Amino acid sequence: MEDSHISSRYIMMEYTQKKEVKRLIKVVEEVMKSVK
């Protein structure tokens, strides 16, 4: 039971990080556009 709880928490962390990465990529793309 504990193992599944830990793994689900880990999955949530991974998901949150992926969302943050996508947001970061969007920001970087916007900056590149404005630089050009």
Protein backbone atom coordinates (compact mmCIF):
# COMPACT_ATOMS: atom_id res chain seq x y z
CA MET A 1 0.00 0.00 0.00
CA GLU A 2 2.76 2.41 0.92
CA ASP A 3 4.64 1.65 -2.29
CA SER A 4 1.71 2.61 -4.47
CA HIS A 5 1.24 5.84 -2.50
CA ILE A 6 4.88 6.77 -3.01
CA SER A 7 4.79 5.94 -6.71
CA SER A 8 1.62 8.00 -7.25
CA ARG A 9 3.25 10.94 -5.53
CA TYR A 10 6.30 10.49 -7.75
CA ILE A 11 4.06 10.44 -10.82
CA MET A 12 2.43 13.68 -9.71
CA MET A 13 5.85 15.27 -9.30
CA GLU A 14 6.83 14.11 -12.77
CA TYR A 15 3.59 15.49 -14.21
CA THR A 16 4.08 18.86 -12.51
CA GLN A 17 7.65 19.08 -13.77
CA LYS A 18 6.52 18.31 -17.31
CA LYS A 19 3.92 21.07 -17.13
CA GLU A 20 6.58 23.48 -15.87
CA VAL A 21 8.91 22.48 -18.69
CA LYS A 22 6.21 23.10 -21.27
CA ARG A 23 5.52 26.53 -19.76
CA LEU A 24 9.23 27.31 -19.76
CA ILE A 25 9.52 26.29 -23.42
CA LYS A 26 6.62 28.60 -24.31
CA VAL A 27 8.30 31.51 -22.53
CA VAL A 28 11.59 30.81 -24.30
CA GLU A 29 9.83 30.69 -27.68
CA GLU A 30 8.16 34.04 -26.99
CA VAL A 31 11.49 35.59 -26.06
CA MET A 32 13.11 34.25 -29.23
CA LYS A 33 10.30 35.76 -31.30
CA SER A 34 10.70 39.17 -29.69
CA VAL A 35 14.48 39.02 -30.15
CA LYS A 36 14.03 38.44 -33.89
